[in-house]
Amino acid sequence: MNLLYWLDPWEPSPTVVIALALAAILFVRGQRHARVSTARRISFWFGLGALYVALHTRLDYFFEHEFFMHRAQHLVLHHLGPFFIALAYPGAALRAGIPFAWRRRFVRPALAARPVRLALDVVMHPVVAVTLFVGLIYFWLLSPIHFIAMLDWRLYRIMNWSMVIDGLLFWWLVLDPRSAPPARLAPGKRVLVVIAAIPPQIILGAFIFFTSHELYPVYSICGRAFTWLSPMRDQQIGGLLLWIPGSMMSVIGALVALRHWMRLSARGRLRQRGRPARKPVVAARDSEPQRT
């Protein structure tokens, strides 16, 4: 078996191909007009490639037949892939990749529409953002919900896409390198938002790890990919993946947000209460005549 064998999708999905290909095309077109550093390009392509591997390769068979592999998949879909895409801050490049006529005729009116603005204001609210980020993990890991989602291919894809979309929204919110405004949250709040998402992940991961009975029998019913791995060991590894790597990704996100905060503070870009951001002081020119 070679690399092409593993890249061959287990269950082909035109939606995945179109969505990821569209993002790739827009980024390639836009990076010629927007200034995108090499590090940001690597971050974007790594994140997009991680999403493709987790959504549209033969590994999907293992994601459907082992709980710990399923948790690894969602770690990529909800944390790793969206994190690196947001870290690349590709908004300007993606926007520049859209033809100007399309931006003026379709994109701008759509973003300016009141329902769209209200929806973004709701999902980007810090309390709602944290609740959605953690709540989706809890929701899809409820035993009855998880059982149905792993049996119904339509619900399975809804589950995966909900993790991708929510991950992109969350990391885009907290990894924004700009001051507020134009960013939605002040740098300090962005750090707090990421930190707030850590304890619930630790609690749920620890609960799954220490539970003494099988929480997700669907994998035993449908057949496990690794017959040498016991159901309880599989469950414990899955709990650890949520407990440690999932929480560590949030810690790294908090450190990145803190770095942005310190950088903005050092440049005098932070807004004080009731005051605009401080402008840099311009030194007097040597050629200016001195008063006598």
Foldseek 3Di string as FASTA:
>chain_A
DDPVQFLAFPDDDPVLVVVLVLQVQLLVQLCVPDPFDPQLVVLLVVLSVLLSSLPGTPLVVQLLQFLLSVLVSLCSQQFVSLLSNLLSVRPRSSVSSDPPVCCVPPVVVVCPDPVNVVVLVQCLDLVNLLCLSLVLVVVCLQQVNVLVLSVDVVSVVVSSVSSNVSSNSLSNLLLPLAAPVVRPDHLVSSLVSLVVNQVSLQVQLVCQQPDPDQSHCSSVVVDHPDPVADRNNSSNSNSVSSNPVVNVSSVVSSVSSVVSNVVCVVQQCYADVPGHGDDDDDDDDPPDDDDD
